[in-house]
Amino acid sequence: MKYRAIFSNFKGTVDTEISDNLPEYFYPVIIDSVTIETDGFGVLTIDNSEQYSESQLALFEYEIEYPYKDKAKKLLVLKNYQLKVFIPIRILEIKSGKRITSEVQITISNNGGKNVKRECSLFGKSSENYDLEVAFGELQKQLIECYCMETCSNCKNSWWSIYGGNEFCNHLCFKSEAEAFQTIKDKDKMSVAHFMKYGNDKNWQSVELTDYCDKFEAR
């Protein structure tokens, strides 16, 4: 999967894309052959910076951190940038009953320091909640009179991952036992955990918040 993206900083603006083709990264963006880890639309970092030239790294502003056991290994944490990511999603127009494809925009920005701002927007509505699942829910509430986001984030058969991790890439889908899943009155970490099956009887799968399937049921 690839998503259109725009990266901008003091050096200018670059049209690029985010991809999940590199398994060791969570949706990296590549600029001038430099792989930037987005951590699933969170903090932007550059690993293994020694593989890049000074001119490549000069395209970015960053702080140097040493978070690894190997204290000689460093991590570059980007600052003073904006990254806009455009993700196609399926939309139902309530009045017409027509289904269209639109793009939800996730904007990640940093104005120096360690704080990263993240905003989700669609059709002029937005949420700045840093929890992406909550942000998508807030967007749907604002759009409910006109639009239904036909995505996993807005489906009765899905739930946030009890395992934690990146919320965009690690949502849980229970469509294989949708009827039984929907009878759980008070969904929380424990009730969902007790419902989950493993091995040959596995009744769930990991999905992205923006995924869609023909078993979608609006919340």
C-alpha atoms as a PDB file:
ATOM      1  CA  MET A   1       0.000   0.000   0.000  1.00  0.00           C
ATOM      2  CA  LYS A   2       1.234   3.477  -0.860  1.00  0.00           C
ATOM      3  CA  TYR A   3      -0.177   6.852   0.158  1.00  0.00           C
ATOM      4  CA  ARG A   4       0.465  10.247  -1.407  1.00  0.00           C
ATOM      5  CA  ALA A   5       2.389  12.590   0.894  1.00  0.00           C
ATOM      6  CA  ILE A   6       3.870  16.103   0.986  1.00  0.00           C
ATOM      7  CA  PHE A   7       6.919  16.878   3.140  1.00  0.00           C
ATOM      8  CA  SER A   8       8.002  20.452   3.815  1.00  0.00           C
ATOM      9  CA  ASN A   9      10.655  22.145   5.933  1.00  0.00           C
ATOM     10  CA  PHE A  10      13.135  25.029   5.731  1.00  0.00           C
ATOM     11  CA  LYS A  11      14.643  23.510   2.570  1.00  0.00           C
ATOM     12  CA  GLY A  12      11.374  23.461   0.644  1.00  0.00           C
ATOM     13  CA  THR A  13       8.528  21.113  -0.263  1.00  0.00           C
ATOM     14  CA  VAL A  14       8.746  17.586  -1.675  1.00  0.00           C
ATOM     15  CA  ASP A  15       5.965  15.483  -3.196  1.00  0.00           C
ATOM     16  CA  THR A  16       6.551  11.930  -2.055  1.00  0.00           C
ATOM     17  CA  GLU A  17       4.700   8.869  -0.781  1.00  0.00           C
ATOM     18  CA  ILE A  18       4.460   6.643   2.253  1.00  0.00           C
ATOM     19  CA  SER A  19       4.725   2.904   1.746  1.00  0.00           C
ATOM     20  CA  ASP A  20       4.469  -0.316   3.742  1.00  0.00           C
ATOM     21  CA  ASN A  21       6.852  -2.166   1.422  1.00  0.00           C
ATOM     22  CA  LEU A  22       9.729  -2.028   3.920  1.00  0.00           C
ATOM     23  CA  PRO A  23       8.854  -4.528   6.675  1.00  0.00           C
ATOM     24  CA  GLU A  24      11.325  -3.106   9.203  1.00  0.00           C
ATOM     25  CA  TYR A  25       9.522   0.271   9.226  1.00  0.00           C
ATOM     26  CA  PHE A  26       6.026   1.541  10.070  1.00  0.00           C
ATOM     27  CA  TYR A  27       5.067   3.423   6.886  1.00  0.00           C
ATOM     28  CA  PRO A  28       8.361   5.132   6.011  1.00  0.00           C
ATOM     29  CA  VAL A  29       8.689   8.138   3.731  1.00  0.00           C
ATOM     30  CA  ILE A  30      11.721   8.285   1.429  1.00  0.00           C
ATOM     31  CA  ILE A  31      13.250  11.664   0.524  1.00  0.00           C
ATOM     32  CA  ASP A  32      16.403  11.894  -1.601  1.00  0.00           C
ATOM     33  CA  SER A  33      16.992   8.177  -0.911  1.00  0.00           C
ATOM     34  CA  VAL A  34      16.839   8.788   2.864  1.00  0.00           C
ATOM     35  CA  THR A  35      14.400   6.445   4.626  1.00  0.00           C
ATOM     36  CA  ILE A  36      12.478   8.277   7.350  1.00  0.00           C
ATOM     37  CA  GLU A  37      10.553   6.183   9.860  1.00  0.00           C
ATOM     38  CA  THR A  38       7.123   7.703  10.588  1.00  0.00           C
ATOM     39  CA  ASP A  39       6.323   5.231  13.385  1.00  0.00           C
ATOM     40  CA  GLY A  40       2.822   4.857  11.980  1.00  0.00           C
ATOM     41  CA  PHE A  41       2.303   8.618  11.608  1.00  0.00           C
ATOM     42  CA  GLY A  42       4.040   9.611  14.831  1.00  0.00           C
ATOM     43  CA  VAL A  43       7.571  10.859  15.383  1.00  0.00           C
ATOM     44  CA  LEU A  44       9.789  11.126  12.283  1.00  0.00           C
ATOM     45  CA  THR A  45      13.244   9.606  12.734  1.00  0.00           C
ATOM     46  CA  ILE A  46      16.260   8.486  10.702  1.00  0.00           C
ATOM     47  CA  ASP A  47      17.923   5.223  11.707  1.00  0.00           C
ATOM     48  CA  ASN A  48      21.417   4.147  10.675  1.00  0.00           C
ATOM     49  CA  SER A  49      22.318   7.674   9.638  1.00  0.00           C
ATOM     50  CA  GLU A  50      25.891   6.664   8.880  1.00  0.00           C
ATOM     51  CA  GLN A  51      24.707   5.224   5.566  1.00  0.00           C
ATOM     52  CA  TYR A  52      23.775   8.697   4.311  1.00  0.00           C
ATOM     53  CA  SER A  53      26.016  11.507   3.093  1.00  0.00           C
ATOM     54  CA  GLU A  54      26.318  14.906   4.767  1.00  0.00           C
ATOM     55  CA  SER A  55      24.492  16.518   1.853  1.00  0.00           C
ATOM     56  CA  GLN A  56      21.564  14.103   2.239  1.00  0.00           C
ATOM     57  CA  LEU A  57      21.251  14.722   5.976  1.00  0.00           C
ATOM     58  CA  ALA A  58      21.587  18.485   5.417  1.00  0.00           C
ATOM     59  CA  LEU A  59      18.072  18.391   3.962  1.00  0.00           C
ATOM     60  CA  PHE A  60      16.678  17.982   7.486  1.00  0.00           C
ATOM     61  CA  GLU A  61      16.825  19.558  10.914  1.00  0.00           C
ATOM     62  CA  TYR A  62      17.142  17.056  13.728  1.00  0.00           C
ATOM     63  CA  GLU A  63      18.221  16.270  17.258  1.00  0.00           C
ATOM     64  CA  ILE A  64      20.577  13.382  17.977  1.00  0.00           C
ATOM     65  CA  GLU A  65      19.502  10.793  20.545  1.00  0.00           C
ATOM     66  CA  TYR A  66      21.148   7.594  21.802  1.00  0.00           C
ATOM     67  CA  PRO A  67      18.229   5.318  22.810  1.00  0.00           C
ATOM     68  CA  TYR A  68      19.858   1.966  22.049  1.00  0.00           C
ATOM     69  CA  LYS A  69      21.841  -0.448  24.203  1.00  0.00           C
ATOM     70  CA  ASP A  70      24.701   0.132  21.818  1.00  0.00           C
ATOM     71  CA  LYS A  71      25.596   3.662  22.890  1.00  0.00           C
ATOM     72  CA  ALA A  72      27.590   4.206  19.731  1.00  0.00           C
ATOM     73  CA  LYS A  73      24.388   3.893  17.683  1.00  0.00           C
ATOM     74  CA  LYS A  74      22.442   7.111  17.277  1.00  0.00           C
ATOM     75  CA  LEU A  75      18.939   8.099  16.212  1.00  0.00           C
ATOM     76  CA  LEU A  76      18.133  11.335  14.379  1.00  0.00           C
ATOM     77  CA  VAL A  77      14.795  12.820  15.489  1.00  0.00           C
ATOM     78  CA  LEU A  78      13.491  15.304  12.943  1.00  0.00           C
ATOM     79  CA  LYS A  79      12.223  18.755  13.908  1.00  0.00           C
ATOM     80  CA  ASN A  80      10.784  21.826  12.185  1.00  0.00           C
ATOM     81  CA  TYR A  81       8.803  20.037   9.481  1.00  0.00           C
ATOM     82  CA  GLN A  82       5.321  19.242   8.246  1.00  0.00           C
ATOM     83  CA  LEU A  83       4.224  15.962   6.672  1.00  0.00           C
ATOM     84  CA  LYS A  84       0.803  15.636   5.045  1.00  0.00           C
ATOM     85  CA  VAL A  85      -0.427  12.133   4.207  1.00  0.00           C
ATOM     86  CA  PHE A  86      -3.513  11.545   2.031  1.00  0.00           C
ATOM     87  CA  ILE A  87      -5.291   8.213   2.570  1.00  0.00           C
ATOM     88  CA  PRO A  88      -8.145   7.133   0.271  1.00  0.00           C
ATOM     89  CA  ILE A  89     -11.233   5.966   2.161  1.00  0.00           C
ATOM     90  CA  ARG A  90     -14.725   4.914   1.187  1.00  0.00           C
ATOM     91  CA  ILE A  91     -17.546   7.327   2.038  1.00  0.00           C
ATOM     92  CA  LEU A  92     -21.346   6.923   1.989  1.00  0.00           C
ATOM     93  CA  GLU A  93     -23.311  10.104   1.228  1.00  0.00           C
ATOM     94  CA  ILE A  94     -26.284   9.871   3.578  1.00  0.00           C
ATOM     95  CA  LYS A  95     -28.868  11.795   1.535  1.00  0.00           C
ATOM     96  CA  SER A  96     -28.070  10.414  -1.917  1.00  0.00           C
ATOM     97  CA  GLY A  97     -26.998   6.927  -0.850  1.00  0.00           C
ATOM     98  CA  LYS A  98     -24.053   7.304  -3.219  1.00  0.00           C
ATOM     99  CA  ARG A  99     -20.667   5.814  -2.344  1.00  0.00           C
ATOM    100  CA  ILE A 100     -17.585   7.817  -3.191  1.00  0.00           C
ATOM    101  CA  THR A 101     -13.858   7.671  -2.507  1.00  0.00           C
ATOM    102  CA  SER A 102     -12.314  10.620  -0.716  1.00  0.00           C
ATOM    103  CA  GLU A 103      -9.053  11.234   1.128  1.00  0.00           C
ATOM    104  CA  VAL A 104      -8.623  11.659   4.858  1.00  0.00           C
ATOM    105  CA  GLN A 105      -5.603  13.849   5.557  1.00  0.00           C
ATOM    106  CA  ILE A 106      -3.210  13.181   8.427  1.00  0.00           C
ATOM    107  CA  THR A 107      -0.892  16.114   9.118  1.00  0.00           C
ATOM    108  CA  ILE A 108       2.153  15.633  11.334  1.00  0.00           C
ATOM    109  CA  SER A 109       4.106  18.740  12.295  1.00  0.00           C
ATOM    110  CA  ASN A 110       6.887  19.827  14.589  1.00  0.00           C
ATOM    111  CA  ASN A 111       7.948  23.385  15.330  1.00  0.00           C
ATOM    112  CA  GLY A 112      11.076  22.526  17.265  1.00  0.00           C
ATOM    113  CA  GLY A 113      11.414  20.758  20.589  1.00  0.00           C
ATOM    114  CA  LYS A 114      10.036  17.306  21.303  1.00  0.00           C
ATOM    115  CA  ASN A 115       6.302  17.898  20.829  1.00  0.00           C
ATOM    116  CA  VAL A 116       4.681  16.584  17.651  1.00  0.00           C
ATOM    117  CA  LYS A 117       1.236  17.795  16.594  1.00  0.00           C
ATOM    118  CA  ARG A 118      -1.040  15.495  14.624  1.00  0.00           C
ATOM    119  CA  GLU A 119      -4.321  16.435  12.965  1.00  0.00           C
ATOM    120  CA  CYS A 120      -6.834  14.372  10.978  1.00  0.00           C
ATOM    121  CA  SER A 121      -9.155  16.170   8.584  1.00  0.00           C
ATOM    122  CA  LEU A 122     -11.900  15.344   6.093  1.00  0.00           C
ATOM    123  CA  PHE A 123     -14.453  17.570   4.320  1.00  0.00           C
ATOM    124  CA  GLY A 124     -13.436  20.619   6.330  1.00  0.00           C
ATOM    125  CA  LYS A 125     -13.777  18.868   9.713  1.00  0.00           C
ATOM    126  CA  SER A 126     -10.796  17.975  11.874  1.00  0.00           C
ATOM    127  CA  SER A 127      -9.567  16.409  15.091  1.00  0.00           C
ATOM    128  CA  GLU A 128      -6.250  17.024  16.830  1.00  0.00           C
ATOM    129  CA  ASN A 129      -6.584  14.089  19.217  1.00  0.00           C
ATOM    130  CA  TYR A 130      -3.221  12.309  19.208  1.00  0.00           C
ATOM    131  CA  ASP A 131      -4.906   8.903  19.513  1.00  0.00           C
ATOM    132  CA  LEU A 132      -5.708   8.145  15.870  1.00  0.00           C
ATOM    133  CA  GLU A 133      -8.634   5.863  16.656  1.00  0.00           C
ATOM    134  CA  VAL A 134     -10.237   8.570  18.791  1.00  0.00           C
ATOM    135  CA  ALA A 135      -9.475  11.192  16.125  1.00  0.00           C
ATOM    136  CA  PHE A 136     -11.243   9.137  13.436  1.00  0.00           C
ATOM    137  CA  GLY A 137     -14.219   8.704  15.765  1.00  0.00           C
ATOM    138  CA  GLU A 138     -14.376  12.444  16.393  1.00  0.00           C
ATOM    139  CA  LEU A 139     -14.297  13.093  12.641  1.00  0.00           C
ATOM    140  CA  GLN A 140     -17.229  10.725  12.085  1.00  0.00           C
ATOM    141  CA  LYS A 141     -19.271  12.439  14.811  1.00  0.00           C
ATOM    142  CA  GLN A 142     -18.763  15.783  13.087  1.00  0.00           C
ATOM    143  CA  LEU A 143     -19.777  14.362   9.697  1.00  0.00           C
ATOM    144  CA  ILE A 144     -22.606  12.081  10.823  1.00  0.00           C
ATOM    145  CA  GLU A 145     -25.473  14.146   9.326  1.00  0.00           C
ATOM    146  CA  CYS A 146     -23.975  14.040   5.823  1.00  0.00           C
ATOM    147  CA  TYR A 147     -21.438  11.221   5.572  1.00  0.00           C
ATOM    148  CA  CYS A 148     -20.600   7.772   6.886  1.00  0.00           C
ATOM    149  CA  MET A 149     -16.931   6.766   6.857  1.00  0.00           C
ATOM    150  CA  GLU A 150     -17.042   3.134   5.725  1.00  0.00           C
ATOM    151  CA  THR A 151     -13.779   2.215   7.415  1.00  0.00           C
ATOM    152  CA  CYS A 152     -12.683  -0.210  10.117  1.00  0.00           C
ATOM    153  CA  SER A 153     -12.471   2.700  12.538  1.00  0.00           C
ATOM    154  CA  ASN A 154     -16.242   3.158  12.178  1.00  0.00           C
ATOM    155  CA  CYS A 155     -17.320  -0.493  12.056  1.00  0.00           C
ATOM    156  CA  LYS A 156     -19.259  -2.427  14.722  1.00  0.00           C
ATOM    157  CA  ASN A 157     -17.035  -5.435  14.130  1.00  0.00           C
ATOM    158  CA  SER A 158     -13.765  -3.743  15.132  1.00  0.00           C
ATOM    159  CA  TRP A 159     -12.058  -2.681  18.332  1.00  0.00           C
ATOM    160  CA  TRP A 160      -8.791  -1.093  19.423  1.00  0.00           C
ATOM    161  CA  SER A 161      -5.952  -3.542  19.868  1.00  0.00           C
ATOM    162  CA  ILE A 162      -5.612  -4.880  23.398  1.00  0.00           C
ATOM    163  CA  TYR A 163      -1.931  -5.391  22.605  1.00  0.00           C
ATOM    164  CA  GLY A 164      -1.252  -1.676  22.245  1.00  0.00           C
ATOM    165  CA  GLY A 165       1.331  -0.697  19.677  1.00  0.00           C
ATOM    166  CA  ASN A 166       0.625   1.556  16.730  1.00  0.00           C
ATOM    167  CA  GLU A 167      -3.097   2.249  16.631  1.00  0.00           C
ATOM    168  CA  PHE A 168      -3.293   2.933  12.873  1.00  0.00           C
ATOM    169  CA  CYS A 169      -1.803  -0.412  11.814  1.00  0.00           C
ATOM    170  CA  ASN A 170      -2.954  -2.580  14.711  1.00  0.00           C
ATOM    171  CA  HIS A 171      -6.759  -2.343  14.932  1.00  0.00           C
ATOM    172  CA  LEU A 172      -8.704  -5.573  15.538  1.00  0.00           C
ATOM    173  CA  CYS A 173     -11.430  -6.948  13.254  1.00  0.00           C
ATOM    174  CA  PHE A 174     -13.954  -9.565  14.449  1.00  0.00           C
ATOM    175  CA  LYS A 175     -16.049  -9.905  11.270  1.00  0.00           C
ATOM    176  CA  SER A 176     -15.711 -13.718  11.363  1.00  0.00           C
ATOM    177  CA  GLU A 177     -17.852 -13.725  14.548  1.00  0.00           C
ATOM    178  CA  ALA A 178     -19.545 -10.365  14.130  1.00  0.00           C
ATOM    179  CA  GLU A 179     -22.893 -11.314  15.652  1.00  0.00           C
ATOM    180  CA  ALA A 180     -21.338 -12.742  18.815  1.00  0.00           C
ATOM    181  CA  PHE A 181     -18.881  -9.858  19.087  1.00  0.00           C
ATOM    182  CA  GLN A 182     -21.660  -7.290  18.902  1.00  0.00           C
ATOM    183  CA  THR A 183     -23.502  -8.927  21.820  1.00  0.00           C
ATOM    184  CA  ILE A 184     -20.684  -7.917  24.194  1.00  0.00           C
ATOM    185  CA  LYS A 185     -22.473  -5.121  26.023  1.00  0.00           C
ATOM    186  CA  ASP A 186     -19.560  -3.547  27.841  1.00  0.00           C
ATOM    187  CA  LYS A 187     -16.510  -3.756  25.621  1.00  0.00           C
ATOM    188  CA  ASP A 188     -13.245  -3.212  27.421  1.00  0.00           C
ATOM    189  CA  LYS A 189      -9.800  -4.751  27.437  1.00  0.00           C
ATOM    190  CA  MET A 190     -10.806  -7.769  29.508  1.00  0.00           C
ATOM    191  CA  SER A 191     -14.122  -8.571  27.822  1.00  0.00           C
ATOM    192  CA  VAL A 192     -12.568  -8.373  24.353  1.00  0.00           C
ATOM    193  CA  ALA A 193      -9.533 -10.397  25.477  1.00  0.00           C
ATOM    194  CA  HIS A 194     -11.787 -13.176  26.774  1.00  0.00           C
ATOM    195  CA  PHE A 195     -13.685 -13.208  23.469  1.00  0.00           C
ATOM    196  CA  MET A 196     -10.541 -13.630  21.374  1.00  0.00           C
ATOM    197  CA  LYS A 197      -9.569 -17.062  20.097  1.00  0.00           C
ATOM    198  CA  TYR A 198      -6.215 -18.224  18.812  1.00  0.00           C
ATOM    199  CA  GLY A 199      -4.677 -20.944  16.704  1.00  0.00           C
ATOM    200  CA  ASN A 200      -6.976 -22.731  14.259  1.00  0.00           C
ATOM    201  CA  ASP A 201     -10.033 -21.079  15.868  1.00  0.00           C
ATOM    202  CA  LYS A 202      -8.673 -17.524  15.568  1.00  0.00           C
ATOM    203  CA  ASN A 203     -11.635 -15.149  15.269  1.00  0.00           C
ATOM    204  CA  TRP A 204      -9.848 -11.846  14.719  1.00  0.00           C
ATOM    205  CA  GLN A 205      -7.306 -10.170  12.458  1.00  0.00           C
ATOM    206  CA  SER A 206      -5.236  -6.976  12.544  1.00  0.00           C
ATOM    207  CA  VAL A 207      -6.407  -4.247  10.195  1.00  0.00           C
ATOM    208  CA  GLU A 208      -5.764  -0.574   9.533  1.00  0.00           C
ATOM    209  CA  LEU A 209      -8.182   2.101  10.685  1.00  0.00           C
ATOM    210  CA  THR A 210      -8.892   3.078   7.066  1.00  0.00           C
ATOM    211  CA  ASP A 211      -9.518  -0.453   5.747  1.00  0.00           C
ATOM    212  CA  TYR A 212     -12.886  -1.469   4.255  1.00  0.00           C
ATOM    213  CA  CYS A 213     -14.594  -4.765   3.464  1.00  0.00           C
ATOM    214  CA  ASP A 214     -18.035  -5.873   2.282  1.00  0.00           C
ATOM    215  CA  LYS A 215     -19.000  -6.869   5.843  1.00  0.00           C
ATOM    216  CA  PHE A 216     -18.792  -3.271   7.068  1.00  0.00           C
ATOM    217  CA  GLU A 217     -21.489  -2.299   9.574  1.00  0.00           C
ATOM    218  CA  ALA A 218     -21.628   1.320  10.685  1.00  0.00           C
ATOM    219  CA  ARG A 219     -21.423   1.969  14.412  1.00  0.00           C
END
